[in-house]
Amino acid sequence: MQFFPATEYQQNATELFEKYKSEILSLTPNAIVEHIGSSAIPHAISKGDLDIYIEVPAQQFSRTIEQLKTLGFKEKLNTLRTDELCMLESQASDEDVAFQIVVTGSKFTNFLIFRDRLRNSAQLVHQYNKLKENCMGLSPDEYRQIKAEFIDRVLTRSEEHTSE
């Protein structure tokens, strides 16, 4: 795994997000479209990719997936796929962009919770950056496992704080 400092990728990711947000909303005007992932978190190091959260009501989920494929995206294989979550990835070789299509009210709205927890905590961003630095040289599967454990801890902590 290779990671880049925020100064090397965040501005480009933000500009690319705005471009895609406009295209997504032209296809699905009632969707909630949010910039998520490390590129949406100030000072976070990243692989340099862009993740876009697209939330729609359950009855629009399948149709939205098909509409978004027309933007040059295909369903991402070997990743979690449910009736409430579908990940699409860009087929363009020069863009590392993924869409997370999420059903409104599902547990997958946690993408936003995780992003917001890190945006509000320099300490969590520092921990996340250290985790990534320690994962250099690991396989993508090993990295994803370690990252998933960190995300679970952040989300559990978030739930504890909101229930107080």
C-alpha atoms as a PDB file:
ATOM      1  CA  MET A   1       0.000   0.000   0.000  1.00  0.00           C
ATOM      2  CA  GLN A   2       1.202   3.471  -0.850  1.00  0.00           C
ATOM      3  CA  PHE A   3      -0.213   6.592   0.778  1.00  0.00           C
ATOM      4  CA  PHE A   4       0.009  10.279  -0.074  1.00  0.00           C
ATOM      5  CA  PRO A   5      -0.130  13.363   2.158  1.00  0.00           C
ATOM      6  CA  ALA A   6      -3.303  15.440   1.931  1.00  0.00           C
ATOM      7  CA  THR A   7      -1.479  18.244   0.118  1.00  0.00           C
ATOM      8  CA  GLU A   8      -0.791  15.910  -2.806  1.00  0.00           C
ATOM      9  CA  TYR A   9      -4.322  14.669  -3.498  1.00  0.00           C
ATOM     10  CA  GLN A  10      -7.131  16.444  -1.622  1.00  0.00           C
ATOM     11  CA  GLN A  11      -7.612  19.417  -3.935  1.00  0.00           C
ATOM     12  CA  ASN A  12      -7.837  17.159  -6.983  1.00  0.00           C
ATOM     13  CA  ALA A  13     -10.230  14.808  -5.140  1.00  0.00           C
ATOM     14  CA  THR A  14     -12.464  17.729  -4.150  1.00  0.00           C
ATOM     15  CA  GLU A  15     -12.622  19.009  -7.734  1.00  0.00           C
ATOM     16  CA  LEU A  16     -13.370  15.522  -9.047  1.00  0.00           C
ATOM     17  CA  PHE A  17     -16.080  15.103  -6.389  1.00  0.00           C
ATOM     18  CA  GLU A  18     -17.803  18.325  -7.510  1.00  0.00           C
ATOM     19  CA  LYS A  19     -17.757  17.136 -11.128  1.00  0.00           C
ATOM     20  CA  TYR A  20     -19.276  13.778 -10.230  1.00  0.00           C
ATOM     21  CA  LYS A  21     -21.768  15.280  -7.795  1.00  0.00           C
ATOM     22  CA  SER A  22     -23.224  17.348 -10.609  1.00  0.00           C
ATOM     23  CA  GLU A  23     -23.432  14.322 -12.913  1.00  0.00           C
ATOM     24  CA  ILE A  24     -24.969  12.129 -10.190  1.00  0.00           C
ATOM     25  CA  LEU A  25     -27.613  14.717  -9.313  1.00  0.00           C
ATOM     26  CA  SER A  26     -28.535  15.121 -12.970  1.00  0.00           C
ATOM     27  CA  LEU A  27     -29.382  11.394 -13.022  1.00  0.00           C
ATOM     28  CA  THR A  28     -30.837  11.124  -9.506  1.00  0.00           C
ATOM     29  CA  PRO A  29     -31.917  14.606  -8.408  1.00  0.00           C
ATOM     30  CA  ASN A  30     -33.303  13.477  -5.028  1.00  0.00           C
ATOM     31  CA  ALA A  31     -30.176  11.612  -3.934  1.00  0.00           C
ATOM     32  CA  ILE A  32     -28.005  12.755  -1.058  1.00  0.00           C
ATOM     33  CA  VAL A  33     -24.474  13.001  -2.458  1.00  0.00           C
ATOM     34  CA  GLU A  34     -21.565  13.383  -0.026  1.00  0.00           C
ATOM     35  CA  HIS A  35     -17.787  13.289  -0.264  1.00  0.00           C
ATOM     36  CA  ILE A  36     -16.551  10.534   2.075  1.00  0.00           C
ATOM     37  CA  GLY A  37     -13.354   8.615   2.712  1.00  0.00           C
ATOM     38  CA  SER A  38      -9.931   9.990   3.543  1.00  0.00           C
ATOM     39  CA  SER A  39     -10.034  12.588   0.794  1.00  0.00           C
ATOM     40  CA  ALA A  40     -12.960  14.229   2.650  1.00  0.00           C
ATOM     41  CA  ILE A  41     -11.031  14.444   5.930  1.00  0.00           C
ATOM     42  CA  PRO A  42      -8.593  17.350   6.305  1.00  0.00           C
ATOM     43  CA  HIS A  43      -4.961  16.245   6.809  1.00  0.00           C
ATOM     44  CA  ALA A  44      -5.715  12.542   6.261  1.00  0.00           C
ATOM     45  CA  ILE A  45      -3.239  10.570   4.229  1.00  0.00           C
ATOM     46  CA  SER A  46      -4.744   8.425   1.500  1.00  0.00           C
ATOM     47  CA  LYS A  47      -4.166   6.093  -1.415  1.00  0.00           C
ATOM     48  CA  GLY A  48      -5.339   9.112  -3.424  1.00  0.00           C
ATOM     49  CA  ASP A  49      -8.730   7.656  -4.310  1.00  0.00           C
ATOM     50  CA  LEU A  50     -12.145   9.300  -4.154  1.00  0.00           C
ATOM     51  CA  ASP A  51     -15.200   7.811  -2.438  1.00  0.00           C
ATOM     52  CA  ILE A  52     -18.656   9.234  -3.035  1.00  0.00           C
ATOM     53  CA  TYR A  53     -21.656   8.417  -0.854  1.00  0.00           C
ATOM     54  CA  ILE A  54     -25.003   8.333  -2.657  1.00  0.00           C
ATOM     55  CA  GLU A  55     -28.090   7.836  -0.485  1.00  0.00           C
ATOM     56  CA  VAL A  56     -31.487   7.006  -1.969  1.00  0.00           C
ATOM     57  CA  PRO A  57     -34.791   5.549  -0.709  1.00  0.00           C
ATOM     58  CA  ALA A  58     -35.082   1.744  -0.905  1.00  0.00           C
ATOM     59  CA  GLN A  59     -37.540   1.883  -3.810  1.00  0.00           C
ATOM     60  CA  GLN A  60     -34.975   3.808  -5.916  1.00  0.00           C
ATOM     61  CA  PHE A  61     -31.940   1.688  -5.004  1.00  0.00           C
ATOM     62  CA  SER A  62     -31.799  -0.725  -7.979  1.00  0.00           C
ATOM     63  CA  ARG A  63     -32.742   1.932 -10.523  1.00  0.00           C
ATOM     64  CA  THR A  64     -30.086   4.305  -9.148  1.00  0.00           C
ATOM     65  CA  ILE A  65     -27.396   1.652  -9.506  1.00  0.00           C
ATOM     66  CA  GLU A  66     -28.300   1.113 -13.155  1.00  0.00           C
ATOM     67  CA  GLN A  67     -28.378   4.877 -13.824  1.00  0.00           C
ATOM     68  CA  LEU A  68     -24.970   5.407 -12.231  1.00  0.00           C
ATOM     69  CA  LYS A  69     -23.419   2.662 -14.345  1.00  0.00           C
ATOM     70  CA  THR A  70     -24.051   4.927 -17.361  1.00  0.00           C
ATOM     71  CA  LEU A  71     -21.331   7.252 -15.970  1.00  0.00           C
ATOM     72  CA  GLY A  72     -18.715   4.581 -16.731  1.00  0.00           C
ATOM     73  CA  PHE A  73     -18.940   2.605 -13.499  1.00  0.00           C
ATOM     74  CA  LYS A  74     -19.298  -1.106 -12.821  1.00  0.00           C
ATOM     75  CA  GLU A  75     -20.203  -3.074  -9.727  1.00  0.00           C
ATOM     76  CA  LYS A  76     -17.183  -3.659  -7.515  1.00  0.00           C
ATOM     77  CA  LEU A  77     -16.578  -7.349  -6.982  1.00  0.00           C
ATOM     78  CA  ASN A  78     -15.181  -8.992  -3.836  1.00  0.00           C
ATOM     79  CA  THR A  79     -16.751  -6.413  -1.548  1.00  0.00           C
ATOM     80  CA  LEU A  80     -19.850  -6.295   0.622  1.00  0.00           C
ATOM     81  CA  ARG A  81     -23.066  -6.174  -1.405  1.00  0.00           C
ATOM     82  CA  THR A  82     -26.517  -6.152   0.192  1.00  0.00           C
ATOM     83  CA  ASP A  83     -30.049  -4.899  -0.522  1.00  0.00           C
ATOM     84  CA  GLU A  84     -28.943  -1.641   1.148  1.00  0.00           C
ATOM     85  CA  LEU A  85     -25.370  -1.186  -0.119  1.00  0.00           C
ATOM     86  CA  CYS A  86     -23.772  -1.429  -3.545  1.00  0.00           C
ATOM     87  CA  MET A  87     -20.301  -0.222  -4.460  1.00  0.00           C
ATOM     88  CA  LEU A  88     -19.492   0.848  -7.984  1.00  0.00           C
ATOM     89  CA  GLU A  89     -16.009   1.598  -9.287  1.00  0.00           C
ATOM     90  CA  SER A  90     -14.867   3.691 -12.206  1.00  0.00           C
ATOM     91  CA  GLN A  91     -13.862   1.847 -15.333  1.00  0.00           C
ATOM     92  CA  ALA A  92     -11.605   4.761 -16.341  1.00  0.00           C
ATOM     93  CA  SER A  93      -7.979   3.760 -15.916  1.00  0.00           C
ATOM     94  CA  ASP A  94      -6.924   7.275 -14.919  1.00  0.00           C
ATOM     95  CA  GLU A  95      -9.489   7.693 -12.094  1.00  0.00           C
ATOM     96  CA  ASP A  96      -9.675   5.816  -8.819  1.00  0.00           C
ATOM     97  CA  VAL A  97     -13.284   6.685  -7.936  1.00  0.00           C
ATOM     98  CA  ALA A  98     -15.884   4.593  -6.119  1.00  0.00           C
ATOM     99  CA  PHE A  99     -19.573   5.183  -5.456  1.00  0.00           C
ATOM    100  CA  GLN A 100     -21.169   3.782  -2.290  1.00  0.00           C
ATOM    101  CA  ILE A 101     -24.901   3.579  -3.013  1.00  0.00           C
ATOM    102  CA  VAL A 102     -26.755   3.380   0.293  1.00  0.00           C
ATOM    103  CA  VAL A 103     -30.419   2.991   1.231  1.00  0.00           C
ATOM    104  CA  THR A 104     -31.796   5.791   3.417  1.00  0.00           C
ATOM    105  CA  GLY A 105     -32.089   4.719   7.054  1.00  0.00           C
ATOM    106  CA  SER A 106     -29.783   1.713   6.673  1.00  0.00           C
ATOM    107  CA  LYS A 107     -26.795   0.975   8.883  1.00  0.00           C
ATOM    108  CA  PHE A 108     -24.580   2.048   5.991  1.00  0.00           C
ATOM    109  CA  THR A 109     -25.172   5.696   6.778  1.00  0.00           C
ATOM    110  CA  ASN A 110     -22.206   4.997   9.089  1.00  0.00           C
ATOM    111  CA  PHE A 111     -19.959   6.184   6.231  1.00  0.00           C
ATOM    112  CA  LEU A 112     -21.064   9.706   7.165  1.00  0.00           C
ATOM    113  CA  ILE A 113     -20.711   9.121  10.905  1.00  0.00           C
ATOM    114  CA  PHE A 114     -17.132   7.896  10.476  1.00  0.00           C
ATOM    115  CA  ARG A 115     -16.194  10.830   8.237  1.00  0.00           C
ATOM    116  CA  ASP A 116     -17.697  13.353  10.646  1.00  0.00           C
ATOM    117  CA  ARG A 117     -16.033  11.805  13.714  1.00  0.00           C
ATOM    118  CA  LEU A 118     -12.637  12.193  12.051  1.00  0.00           C
ATOM    119  CA  ARG A 119     -13.387  15.680  10.759  1.00  0.00           C
ATOM    120  CA  ASN A 120     -14.080  16.671  14.361  1.00  0.00           C
ATOM    121  CA  SER A 121     -11.035  15.020  15.959  1.00  0.00           C
ATOM    122  CA  ALA A 122      -7.434  15.783  15.072  1.00  0.00           C
ATOM    123  CA  GLN A 123      -6.463  12.960  17.430  1.00  0.00           C
ATOM    124  CA  LEU A 124      -8.484  10.405  15.434  1.00  0.00           C
ATOM    125  CA  VAL A 125      -7.008  11.687  12.164  1.00  0.00           C
ATOM    126  CA  HIS A 126      -3.516  11.279  13.658  1.00  0.00           C
ATOM    127  CA  GLN A 127      -4.368   7.707  14.751  1.00  0.00           C
ATOM    128  CA  TYR A 128      -5.791   6.906  11.313  1.00  0.00           C
ATOM    129  CA  ASN A 129      -2.703   8.292   9.585  1.00  0.00           C
ATOM    130  CA  LYS A 130      -0.416   6.261  11.868  1.00  0.00           C
ATOM    131  CA  LEU A 131      -2.453   3.123  11.152  1.00  0.00           C
ATOM    132  CA  LYS A 132      -2.002   3.692   7.412  1.00  0.00           C
ATOM    133  CA  GLU A 133       1.726   4.372   7.757  1.00  0.00           C
ATOM    134  CA  ASN A 134       2.054   1.095   9.669  1.00  0.00           C
ATOM    135  CA  CYS A 135       0.229  -0.728   6.840  1.00  0.00           C
ATOM    136  CA  MET A 136       2.730   0.217   4.142  1.00  0.00           C
ATOM    137  CA  GLY A 137       3.964  -3.000   2.613  1.00  0.00           C
ATOM    138  CA  LEU A 138       0.913  -5.041   3.628  1.00  0.00           C
ATOM    139  CA  SER A 139      -1.458  -6.621   1.146  1.00  0.00           C
ATOM    140  CA  PRO A 140      -4.708  -4.798   0.357  1.00  0.00           C
ATOM    141  CA  ASP A 141      -6.651  -7.485   2.270  1.00  0.00           C
ATOM    142  CA  GLU A 142      -4.472  -7.106   5.366  1.00  0.00           C
ATOM    143  CA  TYR A 143      -4.825  -3.323   5.178  1.00  0.00           C
ATOM    144  CA  ARG A 144      -8.631  -3.525   4.817  1.00  0.00           C
ATOM    145  CA  GLN A 145      -8.876  -5.793   7.878  1.00  0.00           C
ATOM    146  CA  ILE A 146      -6.821  -3.453  10.069  1.00  0.00           C
ATOM    147  CA  LYS A 147      -8.711  -0.417   8.764  1.00  0.00           C
ATOM    148  CA  ALA A 148     -12.080  -2.129   9.401  1.00  0.00           C
ATOM    149  CA  GLU A 149     -11.143  -2.707  13.049  1.00  0.00           C
ATOM    150  CA  PHE A 150     -10.264   0.981  13.446  1.00  0.00           C
ATOM    151  CA  ILE A 151     -13.509   2.076  11.782  1.00  0.00           C
ATOM    152  CA  ASP A 152     -15.506  -0.234  14.073  1.00  0.00           C
ATOM    153  CA  ARG A 153     -13.823   1.300  17.134  1.00  0.00           C
ATOM    154  CA  VAL A 154     -14.582   4.835  15.930  1.00  0.00           C
ATOM    155  CA  LEU A 155     -18.221   3.984  15.159  1.00  0.00           C
ATOM    156  CA  THR A 156     -18.734   2.189  18.483  1.00  0.00           C
ATOM    157  CA  ARG A 157     -17.254   5.149  20.322  1.00  0.00           C
ATOM    158  CA  SER A 158     -19.539   7.478  18.354  1.00  0.00           C
ATOM    159  CA  GLU A 159     -22.599   5.455  19.360  1.00  0.00           C
ATOM    160  CA  GLU A 160     -21.545   5.525  23.018  1.00  0.00           C
ATOM    161  CA  HIS A 161     -21.202   9.304  22.918  1.00  0.00           C
ATOM    162  CA  THR A 162     -24.538   9.877  21.195  1.00  0.00           C
ATOM    163  CA  SER A 163     -26.430   7.654  23.624  1.00  0.00           C
ATOM    164  CA  GLU A 164     -25.243   9.577  26.705  1.00  0.00           C
END
